[in-house]
Amino acid sequence: MRISVEQLAALVHGTIEGDATAYIDNYSKIEEATEGCLTFLANPKYTHYIYSTQATAVLVRKDFKPEQEVKATLIRVDDPYETLAHLLNFVSQQLPSKQGIEQPCHLGSEVPEDAYVGAFAYVGKNVTVGKNVKIYPQVYVGDNVTLGDDVILYPGVKIYHGCKIGNRCIIQAGAVIGGDGFGFAPKEDGTYEKIAQVGIVILEDDVEVGANTTIDRATMGATIVKKGVKLDNLIQVAHNVEIGENTVMAAQVGIAGSTKIGKHNMVGGQVGFSGHITIGDNNGIGAQSGLPKNIGDNQQILGSPPVNVKDFYRNHLYIQRLPDMLRDINALKKAVDKLSKEQ
């Protein structure tokens, strides 16, 4: 889509500093942008790129003060990153929307006229399908599933029986919603008896689930992912877990069974949560942390077991100094031994 800087600025309610007649026909990162590209500056560590970027226009904060000449046209907005997200969503909405029923597929339930069902998709019995749902090829939707309005199921998604998917949820390729929870009872002979998992999974509105992420059905009741949660790729959510509103998790997070996670948490990659614990609200949890017990609200933590981020880095500095400290201790020990022998 080709648009002038003037038109773009009007669209985002920004103010222009530079050539308003220039045209934008692409988007790019600031360090890779070429002529005709729109880019943005949100993170201060990338500021030096603004003086060399070849982009035609750059979204910057209203209070940005350049320290030298900037060749690109500046569009000043409140939040460049949020503004770019709105623009990319706007561009995405202009793309042709898929509709209709491709063959071969299996439809065991009625779907609205505005739905899209791709080839080799399977929709089971008693499935409720909302408006403008898109079911891409090779998707499996089991019996008695509920799909809200504007749901998108990308290729290869599997949704087991009885699960409920809210409005505007996006589930990326290969994700599995409602597979059996990991429930086995040890027997006296050393073997394990499978515990039937008779619950469901509930995704509330505006949840996004990344590629190859798995969310297990509850043993009883429901595994619940609440409104606005965003899950990255390759995440494991075990049975009877609850994830609070607007929590975001990066790739390879693992959450053991029956853990309750509060709202507005930011969780780094490869974090592990033990089972049956409770995590409060508004926490930042650094990558590769391991959480064996409950934590409260408003904490910034890192490590396994986790500690305050500042303490973690302080401890790390001490650990780096351990070899030198060990040499000093050995030297002191030798000196003491020598003095003892001389006496």
C-alpha atoms as a PDB file:
ATOM      1  CA  MET A   1       0.000   0.000   0.000  1.00  0.00           C
ATOM      2  CA  ARG A   2       1.432   3.363  -1.093  1.00  0.00           C
ATOM      3  CA  ILE A   3       0.652   6.369   1.101  1.00  0.00           C
ATOM      4  CA  SER A   4       2.085   9.867   1.512  1.00  0.00           C
ATOM      5  CA  VAL A   5       3.748  10.963   4.737  1.00  0.00           C
ATOM      6  CA  GLU A   6       1.025  13.585   5.101  1.00  0.00           C
ATOM      7  CA  GLN A   7      -1.735  10.968   4.807  1.00  0.00           C
ATOM      8  CA  LEU A   8       0.055   8.626   7.186  1.00  0.00           C
ATOM      9  CA  ALA A   9       0.563  11.349   9.797  1.00  0.00           C
ATOM     10  CA  ALA A  10      -3.119  12.223   9.625  1.00  0.00           C
ATOM     11  CA  LEU A  11      -3.979   8.556  10.125  1.00  0.00           C
ATOM     12  CA  VAL A  12      -1.928   8.319  13.337  1.00  0.00           C
ATOM     13  CA  HIS A  13      -2.569  11.889  14.559  1.00  0.00           C
ATOM     14  CA  GLY A  14       1.133  12.688  14.321  1.00  0.00           C
ATOM     15  CA  THR A  15       3.015  15.884  13.537  1.00  0.00           C
ATOM     16  CA  ILE A  16       5.467  16.060  10.638  1.00  0.00           C
ATOM     17  CA  GLU A  17       9.012  17.365  10.719  1.00  0.00           C
ATOM     18  CA  GLY A  18      10.418  17.171   7.206  1.00  0.00           C
ATOM     19  CA  ASP A  19       9.052  16.314   3.754  1.00  0.00           C
ATOM     20  CA  ALA A  20       5.301  15.751   4.008  1.00  0.00           C
ATOM     21  CA  THR A  21       5.014  14.975   0.265  1.00  0.00           C
ATOM     22  CA  ALA A  22       7.251  11.882   0.349  1.00  0.00           C
ATOM     23  CA  TYR A  23       5.633   8.470  -0.136  1.00  0.00           C
ATOM     24  CA  ILE A  24       5.771   5.308   1.958  1.00  0.00           C
ATOM     25  CA  ASP A  25       5.343   1.861   0.390  1.00  0.00           C
ATOM     26  CA  ASN A  26       7.037  -0.462   2.893  1.00  0.00           C
ATOM     27  CA  TYR A  27       7.968  -1.005   6.555  1.00  0.00           C
ATOM     28  CA  SER A  28      11.321  -1.986   8.021  1.00  0.00           C
ATOM     29  CA  LYS A  29      13.556  -2.051  11.082  1.00  0.00           C
ATOM     30  CA  ILE A  30      15.464   1.208  11.507  1.00  0.00           C
ATOM     31  CA  GLU A  31      18.895  -0.337  10.823  1.00  0.00           C
ATOM     32  CA  GLU A  32      17.710  -2.098   7.641  1.00  0.00           C
ATOM     33  CA  ALA A  33      15.339   0.503   6.176  1.00  0.00           C
ATOM     34  CA  THR A  34      15.689   1.759   2.594  1.00  0.00           C
ATOM     35  CA  GLU A  35      14.092   4.581   0.644  1.00  0.00           C
ATOM     36  CA  GLY A  36      10.298   4.370   0.727  1.00  0.00           C
ATOM     37  CA  CYS A  37      10.259   2.620   4.115  1.00  0.00           C
ATOM     38  CA  LEU A  38       8.577   3.693   7.326  1.00  0.00           C
ATOM     39  CA  THR A  39      10.391   2.713  10.511  1.00  0.00           C
ATOM     40  CA  PHE A  40      10.230   3.647  14.177  1.00  0.00           C
ATOM     41  CA  LEU A  41      12.409   4.550  17.148  1.00  0.00           C
ATOM     42  CA  ALA A  42      11.077   3.315  20.486  1.00  0.00           C
ATOM     43  CA  ASN A  43      14.105   1.842  22.284  1.00  0.00           C
ATOM     44  CA  PRO A  44      16.809   4.414  23.183  1.00  0.00           C
ATOM     45  CA  LYS A  45      19.620   1.939  22.430  1.00  0.00           C
ATOM     46  CA  TYR A  46      18.730   2.199  18.733  1.00  0.00           C
ATOM     47  CA  THR A  47      18.909   6.020  18.682  1.00  0.00           C
ATOM     48  CA  HIS A  48      22.242   6.099  16.813  1.00  0.00           C
ATOM     49  CA  TYR A  49      20.593   4.434  13.809  1.00  0.00           C
ATOM     50  CA  ILE A  50      18.302   7.403  13.239  1.00  0.00           C
ATOM     51  CA  TYR A  51      21.245   9.469  11.986  1.00  0.00           C
ATOM     52  CA  SER A  52      22.210   6.914   9.320  1.00  0.00           C
ATOM     53  CA  THR A  53      18.922   5.227   8.420  1.00  0.00           C
ATOM     54  CA  GLN A  54      17.860   5.341   4.778  1.00  0.00           C
ATOM     55  CA  ALA A  55      14.180   5.273   5.723  1.00  0.00           C
ATOM     56  CA  THR A  56      11.921   7.899   4.239  1.00  0.00           C
ATOM     57  CA  ALA A  57      10.093   8.481   7.535  1.00  0.00           C
ATOM     58  CA  VAL A  58      10.589   7.549  11.189  1.00  0.00           C
ATOM     59  CA  LEU A  59       7.999   7.416  13.961  1.00  0.00           C
ATOM     60  CA  VAL A  60       9.461   9.043  17.083  1.00  0.00           C
ATOM     61  CA  ARG A  61       8.162  10.241  20.418  1.00  0.00           C
ATOM     62  CA  LYS A  62       6.880  13.797  20.597  1.00  0.00           C
ATOM     63  CA  ASP A  63       9.684  14.736  22.987  1.00  0.00           C
ATOM     64  CA  PHE A  64      12.523  13.237  20.901  1.00  0.00           C
ATOM     65  CA  LYS A  65      15.421  15.696  20.536  1.00  0.00           C
ATOM     66  CA  PRO A  66      17.989  14.796  17.832  1.00  0.00           C
ATOM     67  CA  GLU A  67      21.616  15.541  18.658  1.00  0.00           C
ATOM     68  CA  GLN A  68      22.590  15.892  15.000  1.00  0.00           C
ATOM     69  CA  GLU A  69      20.966  16.167  11.584  1.00  0.00           C
ATOM     70  CA  VAL A  70      18.354  13.554  10.653  1.00  0.00           C
ATOM     71  CA  LYS A  71      17.795  13.076   6.922  1.00  0.00           C
ATOM     72  CA  ALA A  72      14.543  11.139   7.305  1.00  0.00           C
ATOM     73  CA  THR A  73      11.212  12.842   7.865  1.00  0.00           C
ATOM     74  CA  LEU A  74      10.097  12.566  11.482  1.00  0.00           C
ATOM     75  CA  ILE A  75       6.507  11.796  12.469  1.00  0.00           C
ATOM     76  CA  ARG A  76       6.071  12.648  16.133  1.00  0.00           C
ATOM     77  CA  VAL A  77       3.537  10.544  18.083  1.00  0.00           C
ATOM     78  CA  ASP A  78       2.838   9.638  21.713  1.00  0.00           C
ATOM     79  CA  ASP A  79       4.106   6.038  21.436  1.00  0.00           C
ATOM     80  CA  PRO A  80       5.960   4.960  18.251  1.00  0.00           C
ATOM     81  CA  TYR A  81       5.737   1.226  18.979  1.00  0.00           C
ATOM     82  CA  GLU A  82       2.009   1.282  19.665  1.00  0.00           C
ATOM     83  CA  THR A  83       1.453   3.496  16.620  1.00  0.00           C
ATOM     84  CA  LEU A  84       3.357   1.072  14.386  1.00  0.00           C
ATOM     85  CA  ALA A  85       1.262  -1.808  15.734  1.00  0.00           C
ATOM     86  CA  HIS A  86      -1.920   0.061  14.773  1.00  0.00           C
ATOM     87  CA  LEU A  87      -0.542   0.774  11.311  1.00  0.00           C
ATOM     88  CA  LEU A  88       0.484  -2.830  10.665  1.00  0.00           C
ATOM     89  CA  ASN A  89      -2.940  -4.017  11.798  1.00  0.00           C
ATOM     90  CA  PHE A  90      -4.532  -1.492   9.448  1.00  0.00           C
ATOM     91  CA  VAL A  91      -2.421  -2.776   6.531  1.00  0.00           C
ATOM     92  CA  SER A  92      -3.250  -6.383   7.425  1.00  0.00           C
ATOM     93  CA  GLN A  93      -6.963  -5.593   7.375  1.00  0.00           C
ATOM     94  CA  GLN A  94      -6.659  -4.323   3.799  1.00  0.00           C
ATOM     95  CA  LEU A  95      -5.502  -7.728   2.553  1.00  0.00           C
ATOM     96  CA  PRO A  96      -8.096  -9.957   0.841  1.00  0.00           C
ATOM     97  CA  SER A  97     -10.090 -11.948   3.402  1.00  0.00           C
ATOM     98  CA  LYS A  98     -10.586 -15.659   2.865  1.00  0.00           C
ATOM     99  CA  GLN A  99     -14.175 -16.919   2.700  1.00  0.00           C
ATOM    100  CA  GLY A 100     -16.025 -19.980   1.532  1.00  0.00           C
ATOM    101  CA  ILE A 101     -15.732 -23.729   1.989  1.00  0.00           C
ATOM    102  CA  GLU A 102     -12.879 -25.548   0.284  1.00  0.00           C
ATOM    103  CA  GLN A 103     -13.110 -29.212  -0.598  1.00  0.00           C
ATOM    104  CA  PRO A 104     -12.463 -31.798   0.541  1.00  0.00           C
ATOM    105  CA  CYS A 105     -13.354 -31.059   4.179  1.00  0.00           C
ATOM    106  CA  HIS A 106     -15.710 -32.519   6.786  1.00  0.00           C
ATOM    107  CA  LEU A 107     -18.454 -30.349   8.274  1.00  0.00           C
ATOM    108  CA  GLY A 108     -20.423 -32.030  11.033  1.00  0.00           C
ATOM    109  CA  SER A 109     -22.000 -28.702  12.057  1.00  0.00           C
ATOM    110  CA  GLU A 110     -23.335 -25.622  10.309  1.00  0.00           C
ATOM    111  CA  VAL A 111     -21.012 -22.699   9.747  1.00  0.00           C
ATOM    112  CA  PRO A 112     -22.033 -19.097   8.946  1.00  0.00           C
ATOM    113  CA  GLU A 113     -21.977 -17.889   5.347  1.00  0.00           C
ATOM    114  CA  ASP A 114     -19.066 -15.542   6.065  1.00  0.00           C
ATOM    115  CA  ALA A 115     -16.869 -18.337   7.484  1.00  0.00           C
ATOM    116  CA  TYR A 116     -13.804 -19.771   5.797  1.00  0.00           C
ATOM    117  CA  VAL A 117     -13.053 -23.501   6.045  1.00  0.00           C
ATOM    118  CA  GLY A 118      -9.896 -24.708   4.312  1.00  0.00           C
ATOM    119  CA  ALA A 119      -9.289 -28.009   2.556  1.00  0.00           C
ATOM    120  CA  PHE A 120      -8.945 -31.142   4.729  1.00  0.00           C
ATOM    121  CA  ALA A 121     -10.330 -29.363   7.802  1.00  0.00           C
ATOM    122  CA  TYR A 122     -12.581 -31.353  10.161  1.00  0.00           C
ATOM    123  CA  VAL A 123     -15.431 -29.775  12.118  1.00  0.00           C
ATOM    124  CA  GLY A 124     -17.210 -32.186  14.470  1.00  0.00           C
ATOM    125  CA  LYS A 125     -20.785 -32.448  15.691  1.00  0.00           C
ATOM    126  CA  ASN A 126     -22.583 -29.776  17.755  1.00  0.00           C
ATOM    127  CA  VAL A 127     -19.851 -27.222  17.132  1.00  0.00           C
ATOM    128  CA  THR A 128     -20.908 -23.585  17.591  1.00  0.00           C
ATOM    129  CA  VAL A 129     -19.162 -21.363  15.055  1.00  0.00           C
ATOM    130  CA  GLY A 130     -19.312 -17.571  15.416  1.00  0.00           C
ATOM    131  CA  LYS A 131     -19.260 -14.890  12.748  1.00  0.00           C
ATOM    132  CA  ASN A 132     -16.275 -14.380  10.448  1.00  0.00           C
ATOM    133  CA  VAL A 133     -14.414 -17.449  11.715  1.00  0.00           C
ATOM    134  CA  LYS A 134     -11.457 -18.669   9.659  1.00  0.00           C
ATOM    135  CA  ILE A 135     -10.534 -22.340   9.855  1.00  0.00           C
ATOM    136  CA  TYR A 136      -7.427 -22.997   7.766  1.00  0.00           C
ATOM    137  CA  PRO A 137      -6.517 -26.305   6.088  1.00  0.00           C
ATOM    138  CA  GLN A 138      -5.949 -29.422   8.192  1.00  0.00           C
ATOM    139  CA  VAL A 139      -7.524 -27.968  11.319  1.00  0.00           C
ATOM    140  CA  TYR A 140      -9.378 -30.362  13.637  1.00  0.00           C
ATOM    141  CA  VAL A 141     -12.312 -29.035  15.681  1.00  0.00           C
ATOM    142  CA  GLY A 142     -13.796 -31.715  17.925  1.00  0.00           C
ATOM    143  CA  ASP A 143     -17.413 -32.287  18.943  1.00  0.00           C
ATOM    144  CA  ASN A 144     -19.171 -29.712  21.148  1.00  0.00           C
ATOM    145  CA  VAL A 145     -16.486 -27.059  20.704  1.00  0.00           C
ATOM    146  CA  THR A 146     -17.484 -23.380  20.824  1.00  0.00           C
ATOM    147  CA  LEU A 147     -15.748 -20.869  18.551  1.00  0.00           C
ATOM    148  CA  GLY A 148     -16.532 -17.181  19.143  1.00  0.00           C
ATOM    149  CA  ASP A 149     -16.683 -14.419  16.546  1.00  0.00           C
ATOM    150  CA  ASP A 150     -13.599 -13.550  14.456  1.00  0.00           C
ATOM    151  CA  VAL A 151     -11.626 -16.580  15.618  1.00  0.00           C
ATOM    152  CA  ILE A 152      -8.673 -17.585  13.420  1.00  0.00           C
ATOM    153  CA  LEU A 153      -7.377 -21.169  13.500  1.00  0.00           C
ATOM    154  CA  TYR A 154      -4.220 -21.470  11.418  1.00  0.00           C
ATOM    155  CA  PRO A 155      -3.174 -24.693   9.625  1.00  0.00           C
ATOM    156  CA  GLY A 156      -2.869 -27.814  11.719  1.00  0.00           C
ATOM    157  CA  VAL A 157      -4.514 -26.487  14.882  1.00  0.00           C
ATOM    158  CA  LYS A 158      -6.215 -29.188  16.954  1.00  0.00           C
ATOM    159  CA  ILE A 159      -9.051 -28.327  19.344  1.00  0.00           C
ATOM    160  CA  TYR A 160     -10.346 -31.298  21.310  1.00  0.00           C
ATOM    161  CA  HIS A 161     -13.960 -31.904  22.255  1.00  0.00           C
ATOM    162  CA  GLY A 162     -15.860 -29.522  24.499  1.00  0.00           C
ATOM    163  CA  CYS A 163     -13.331 -26.680  24.585  1.00  0.00           C
ATOM    164  CA  LYS A 164     -14.497 -23.065  24.420  1.00  0.00           C
ATOM    165  CA  ILE A 165     -12.696 -20.419  22.375  1.00  0.00           C
ATOM    166  CA  GLY A 166     -13.694 -16.778  22.912  1.00  0.00           C
ATOM    167  CA  ASN A 167     -14.089 -13.917  20.470  1.00  0.00           C
ATOM    168  CA  ARG A 168     -11.136 -12.693  18.398  1.00  0.00           C
ATOM    169  CA  CYS A 169      -8.816 -15.464  19.528  1.00  0.00           C
ATOM    170  CA  ILE A 170      -5.928 -16.329  17.204  1.00  0.00           C
ATOM    171  CA  ILE A 171      -4.389 -19.793  17.407  1.00  0.00           C
ATOM    172  CA  GLN A 172      -1.226 -20.301  15.384  1.00  0.00           C
ATOM    173  CA  ALA A 173      -0.240 -23.365  13.375  1.00  0.00           C
ATOM    174  CA  GLY A 174       0.224 -26.665  15.154  1.00  0.00           C
ATOM    175  CA  ALA A 175      -1.155 -25.610  18.541  1.00  0.00           C
ATOM    176  CA  VAL A 176      -3.121 -28.233  20.492  1.00  0.00           C
ATOM    177  CA  ILE A 177      -5.952 -27.085  22.736  1.00  0.00           C
ATOM    178  CA  GLY A 178      -7.514 -29.633  25.084  1.00  0.00           C
ATOM    179  CA  GLY A 179      -5.168 -32.602  24.898  1.00  0.00           C
ATOM    180  CA  ASP A 180      -5.151 -34.829  27.993  1.00  0.00           C
ATOM    181  CA  GLY A 181      -3.494 -33.487  31.110  1.00  0.00           C
ATOM    182  CA  PHE A 182      -0.554 -35.471  32.474  1.00  0.00           C
ATOM    183  CA  GLY A 183      -2.453 -37.476  35.066  1.00  0.00           C
ATOM    184  CA  PHE A 184      -1.324 -40.937  36.175  1.00  0.00           C
ATOM    185  CA  ALA A 185      -1.829 -42.740  39.511  1.00  0.00           C
ATOM    186  CA  PRO A 186       1.075 -44.950  40.711  1.00  0.00           C
ATOM    187  CA  LYS A 187       0.114 -48.548  41.473  1.00  0.00           C
ATOM    188  CA  GLU A 188       1.635 -51.007  43.914  1.00  0.00           C
ATOM    189  CA  ASP A 189       3.248 -53.028  41.120  1.00  0.00           C
ATOM    190  CA  GLY A 190       5.200 -49.963  39.958  1.00  0.00           C
ATOM    191  CA  THR A 191       3.037 -49.234  36.928  1.00  0.00           C
ATOM    192  CA  TYR A 192       0.750 -46.237  36.414  1.00  0.00           C
ATOM    193  CA  GLU A 193      -2.988 -46.044  35.856  1.00  0.00           C
ATOM    194  CA  LYS A 194      -4.187 -43.250  33.596  1.00  0.00           C
ATOM    195  CA  ILE A 195      -6.543 -40.737  35.255  1.00  0.00           C
ATOM    196  CA  ALA A 196      -9.283 -39.757  32.837  1.00  0.00           C
ATOM    197  CA  GLN A 197      -9.163 -36.041  32.036  1.00  0.00           C
ATOM    198  CA  VAL A 198     -12.829 -35.041  31.831  1.00  0.00           C
ATOM    199  CA  GLY A 199     -12.505 -31.239  32.007  1.00  0.00           C
ATOM    200  CA  ILE A 200     -12.102 -28.703  29.214  1.00  0.00           C
ATOM    201  CA  VAL A 201     -10.017 -25.687  28.165  1.00  0.00           C
ATOM    202  CA  ILE A 202     -11.506 -22.188  28.106  1.00  0.00           C
ATOM    203  CA  LEU A 203      -9.822 -19.387  26.181  1.00  0.00           C
ATOM    204  CA  GLU A 204     -11.500 -16.067  26.929  1.00  0.00           C
ATOM    205  CA  ASP A 205     -11.689 -13.189  24.426  1.00  0.00           C
ATOM    206  CA  ASP A 206      -8.625 -11.769  22.619  1.00  0.00           C
ATOM    207  CA  VAL A 207      -6.252 -14.597  23.516  1.00  0.00           C
ATOM    208  CA  GLU A 208      -3.423 -15.439  21.117  1.00  0.00           C
ATOM    209  CA  VAL A 209      -1.727 -18.842  21.220  1.00  0.00           C
ATOM    210  CA  GLY A 210       1.607 -19.354  19.462  1.00  0.00           C
ATOM    211  CA  ALA A 211       2.654 -22.122  17.095  1.00  0.00           C
ATOM    212  CA  ASN A 212       3.043 -25.598  18.610  1.00  0.00           C
ATOM    213  CA  THR A 213       1.903 -24.442  22.023  1.00  0.00           C
ATOM    214  CA  THR A 214      -0.113 -26.993  24.010  1.00  0.00           C
ATOM    215  CA  ILE A 215      -2.829 -26.250  26.553  1.00  0.00           C
ATOM    216  CA  ASP A 216      -4.043 -29.377  28.383  1.00  0.00           C
ATOM    217  CA  ARG A 217      -7.634 -29.992  29.370  1.00  0.00           C
ATOM    218  CA  ALA A 218      -8.436 -30.068  33.073  1.00  0.00           C
ATOM    219  CA  THR A 219      -8.735 -33.280  35.051  1.00  0.00           C
ATOM    220  CA  MET A 220     -12.048 -31.839  36.251  1.00  0.00           C
ATOM    221  CA  GLY A 221     -13.402 -28.352  35.642  1.00  0.00           C
ATOM    222  CA  ALA A 222     -11.405 -26.155  33.270  1.00  0.00           C
ATOM    223  CA  THR A 223      -7.932 -24.975  32.345  1.00  0.00           C
ATOM    224  CA  ILE A 224      -8.545 -21.237  31.886  1.00  0.00           C
ATOM    225  CA  VAL A 225      -6.619 -18.670  29.846  1.00  0.00           C
ATOM    226  CA  LYS A 226      -8.202 -15.322  30.588  1.00  0.00           C
ATOM    227  CA  LYS A 227      -8.926 -12.304  28.433  1.00  0.00           C
ATOM    228  CA  GLY A 228      -6.062 -10.713  26.542  1.00  0.00           C
ATOM    229  CA  VAL A 229      -3.384 -13.314  27.324  1.00  0.00           C
ATOM    230  CA  LYS A 230      -0.642 -13.689  24.688  1.00  0.00           C
ATOM    231  CA  LEU A 231       1.305 -16.964  24.569  1.00  0.00           C
ATOM    232  CA  ASP A 232       4.378 -17.369  22.380  1.00  0.00           C
ATOM    233  CA  ASN A 233       5.402 -20.526  20.503  1.00  0.00           C
ATOM    234  CA  LEU A 234       6.274 -23.837  22.187  1.00  0.00           C
ATOM    235  CA  ILE A 235       4.652 -23.194  25.552  1.00  0.00           C
ATOM    236  CA  GLN A 236       3.267 -25.987  27.744  1.00  0.00           C
ATOM    237  CA  VAL A 237       0.227 -25.192  29.906  1.00  0.00           C
ATOM    238  CA  ALA A 238      -0.737 -28.163  32.075  1.00  0.00           C
ATOM    239  CA  HIS A 239      -4.117 -29.262  33.404  1.00  0.00           C
ATOM    240  CA  ASN A 240      -6.176 -26.971  35.658  1.00  0.00           C
ATOM    241  CA  VAL A 241      -3.791 -24.029  35.211  1.00  0.00           C
ATOM    242  CA  GLU A 242      -5.248 -20.501  35.243  1.00  0.00           C
ATOM    243  CA  ILE A 243      -3.501 -17.594  33.526  1.00  0.00           C
ATOM    244  CA  GLY A 244      -4.753 -14.118  34.430  1.00  0.00           C
ATOM    245  CA  GLU A 245      -5.792 -11.289  32.121  1.00  0.00           C
ATOM    246  CA  ASN A 246      -3.238  -9.634  29.836  1.00  0.00           C
ATOM    247  CA  THR A 247      -0.354 -11.821  30.939  1.00  0.00           C
ATOM    248  CA  VAL A 248       2.281 -12.388  28.239  1.00  0.00           C
ATOM    249  CA  MET A 249       4.697 -15.329  28.014  1.00  0.00           C
ATOM    250  CA  ALA A 250       7.688 -15.865  25.742  1.00  0.00           C
ATOM    251  CA  ALA A 251       8.639 -19.157  24.107  1.00  0.00           C
ATOM    252  CA  GLN A 252       9.282 -22.435  25.933  1.00  0.00           C
ATOM    253  CA  VAL A 253       7.614 -21.510  29.202  1.00  0.00           C
ATOM    254  CA  GLY A 254       6.398 -24.566  31.107  1.00  0.00           C
ATOM    255  CA  ILE A 255       3.579 -24.401  33.656  1.00  0.00           C
ATOM    256  CA  ALA A 256       2.895 -27.465  35.795  1.00  0.00           C
ATOM    257  CA  GLY A 257      -0.581 -28.536  36.838  1.00  0.00           C
ATOM    258  CA  SER A 258      -2.993 -26.470  38.956  1.00  0.00           C
ATOM    259  CA  THR A 259      -0.774 -23.388  39.101  1.00  0.00           C
ATOM    260  CA  LYS A 260      -2.609 -20.047  39.223  1.00  0.00           C
ATOM    261  CA  ILE A 261      -0.917 -17.080  37.548  1.00  0.00           C
ATOM    262  CA  GLY A 262      -2.275 -13.567  38.072  1.00  0.00           C
ATOM    263  CA  LYS A 263      -2.891 -10.741  35.619  1.00  0.00           C
ATOM    264  CA  HIS A 264      -0.487  -8.393  33.822  1.00  0.00           C
ATOM    265  CA  ASN A 265       2.558 -10.605  34.300  1.00  0.00           C
ATOM    266  CA  MET A 266       5.446 -10.552  31.817  1.00  0.00           C
ATOM    267  CA  VAL A 267       7.212 -13.923  31.645  1.00  0.00           C
ATOM    268  CA  GLY A 268      10.509 -14.444  29.807  1.00  0.00           C
ATOM    269  CA  GLY A 269      11.462 -17.473  27.730  1.00  0.00           C
ATOM    270  CA  GLN A 270      12.086 -20.906  29.284  1.00  0.00           C
ATOM    271  CA  VAL A 271      10.627 -19.993  32.664  1.00  0.00           C
ATOM    272  CA  GLY A 272       9.433 -23.020  34.637  1.00  0.00           C
ATOM    273  CA  PHE A 273       6.545 -22.925  37.110  1.00  0.00           C
ATOM    274  CA  SER A 274       6.118 -25.721  39.660  1.00  0.00           C
ATOM    275  CA  GLY A 275       2.673 -27.178  40.173  1.00  0.00           C
ATOM    276  CA  HIS A 276       0.063 -26.018  42.680  1.00  0.00           C
ATOM    277  CA  ILE A 277       1.605 -22.587  43.271  1.00  0.00           C
ATOM    278  CA  THR A 278       0.120 -19.093  43.039  1.00  0.00           C
ATOM    279  CA  ILE A 279       1.735 -16.167  41.230  1.00  0.00           C
ATOM    280  CA  GLY A 280       0.477 -12.637  41.906  1.00  0.00           C
ATOM    281  CA  ASP A 281      -0.144  -9.695  39.553  1.00  0.00           C
ATOM    282  CA  ASN A 282       2.121  -7.270  37.694  1.00  0.00           C
ATOM    283  CA  ASN A 283       5.330  -9.284  37.971  1.00  0.00           C
ATOM    284  CA  GLY A 284       8.284  -9.379  35.604  1.00  0.00           C
ATOM    285  CA  ILE A 285       9.921 -12.823  35.534  1.00  0.00           C
ATOM    286  CA  GLY A 286      13.248 -13.077  33.733  1.00  0.00           C
ATOM    287  CA  ALA A 287      14.162 -15.757  31.198  1.00  0.00           C
ATOM    288  CA  GLN A 288      15.122 -19.246  32.463  1.00  0.00           C
ATOM    289  CA  SER A 289      13.871 -18.557  35.968  1.00  0.00           C
ATOM    290  CA  GLY A 290      12.504 -21.461  37.983  1.00  0.00           C
ATOM    291  CA  LEU A 291       9.639 -20.803  40.385  1.00  0.00           C
ATOM    292  CA  PRO A 292       9.179 -23.518  43.037  1.00  0.00           C
ATOM    293  CA  LYS A 293       6.827 -21.578  45.337  1.00  0.00           C
ATOM    294  CA  ASN A 294       4.301 -18.744  45.523  1.00  0.00           C
ATOM    295  CA  ILE A 295       5.243 -15.146  44.796  1.00  0.00           C
ATOM    296  CA  GLY A 296       3.259 -11.978  45.431  1.00  0.00           C
ATOM    297  CA  ASP A 297       2.620  -8.850  43.345  1.00  0.00           C
ATOM    298  CA  ASN A 298       4.774  -6.212  41.656  1.00  0.00           C
ATOM    299  CA  GLN A 299       8.100  -8.057  41.707  1.00  0.00           C
ATOM    300  CA  GLN A 300      10.969  -8.098  39.211  1.00  0.00           C
ATOM    301  CA  ILE A 301      12.689 -11.450  39.664  1.00  0.00           C
ATOM    302  CA  LEU A 302      15.270 -13.644  37.966  1.00  0.00           C
ATOM    303  CA  GLY A 303      17.039 -16.936  38.623  1.00  0.00           C
ATOM    304  CA  SER A 304      16.303 -20.374  40.026  1.00  0.00           C
ATOM    305  CA  PRO A 305      15.129 -20.073  42.721  1.00  0.00           C
ATOM    306  CA  PRO A 306      14.321 -16.487  41.744  1.00  0.00           C
ATOM    307  CA  VAL A 307      15.518 -13.394  43.569  1.00  0.00           C
ATOM    308  CA  ASN A 308      15.145  -9.676  42.973  1.00  0.00           C
ATOM    309  CA  VAL A 309      16.800  -8.742  39.653  1.00  0.00           C
ATOM    310  CA  LYS A 310      19.324  -6.395  41.314  1.00  0.00           C
ATOM    311  CA  ASP A 311      20.275  -9.092  43.820  1.00  0.00           C
ATOM    312  CA  PHE A 312      20.634 -11.622  41.008  1.00  0.00           C
ATOM    313  CA  TYR A 313      23.186  -9.503  39.148  1.00  0.00           C
ATOM    314  CA  ARG A 314      25.009  -8.639  42.378  1.00  0.00           C
ATOM    315  CA  ASN A 315      25.233 -12.352  43.228  1.00  0.00           C
ATOM    316  CA  HIS A 316      26.471 -13.082  39.729  1.00  0.00           C
ATOM    317  CA  LEU A 317      29.322 -10.627  40.192  1.00  0.00           C
ATOM    318  CA  TYR A 318      30.263 -12.393  43.426  1.00  0.00           C
ATOM    319  CA  ILE A 319      30.250 -15.750  41.676  1.00  0.00           C
ATOM    320  CA  GLN A 320      32.599 -14.426  38.985  1.00  0.00           C
ATOM    321  CA  ARG A 321      35.015 -13.391  41.735  1.00  0.00           C
ATOM    322  CA  LEU A 322      34.988 -16.805  43.451  1.00  0.00           C
ATOM    323  CA  PRO A 323      38.132 -18.174  41.693  1.00  0.00           C
ATOM    324  CA  ASP A 324      40.138 -15.129  42.821  1.00  0.00           C
ATOM    325  CA  MET A 325      38.726 -15.407  46.342  1.00  0.00           C
ATOM    326  CA  LEU A 326      39.615 -19.122  46.433  1.00  0.00           C
ATOM    327  CA  ARG A 327      43.199 -18.363  45.403  1.00  0.00           C
ATOM    328  CA  ASP A 328      43.431 -15.704  48.132  1.00  0.00           C
ATOM    329  CA  ILE A 329      42.072 -18.115  50.737  1.00  0.00           C
ATOM    330  CA  ASN A 330      44.557 -20.828  49.708  1.00  0.00           C
ATOM    331  CA  ALA A 331      47.400 -18.305  49.849  1.00  0.00           C
ATOM    332  CA  LEU A 332      46.330 -17.208  53.329  1.00  0.00           C
ATOM    333  CA  LYS A 333      46.067 -20.842  54.432  1.00  0.00           C
ATOM    334  CA  LYS A 334      49.591 -21.538  53.258  1.00  0.00           C
ATOM    335  CA  ALA A 335      50.856 -18.407  55.039  1.00  0.00           C
ATOM    336  CA  VAL A 336      49.143 -19.437  58.263  1.00  0.00           C
ATOM    337  CA  ASP A 337      50.522 -22.984  57.997  1.00  0.00           C
ATOM    338  CA  LYS A 338      54.041 -21.582  57.461  1.00  0.00           C
ATOM    339  CA  LEU A 339      53.763 -19.309  60.475  1.00  0.00           C
ATOM    340  CA  SER A 340      52.502 -22.201  62.591  1.00  0.00           C
ATOM    341  CA  LYS A 341      55.485 -24.370  61.646  1.00  0.00           C
ATOM    342  CA  GLU A 342      57.950 -21.564  62.375  1.00  0.00           C
ATOM    343  CA  GLN A 343      56.574 -21.241  65.914  1.00  0.00           C
END
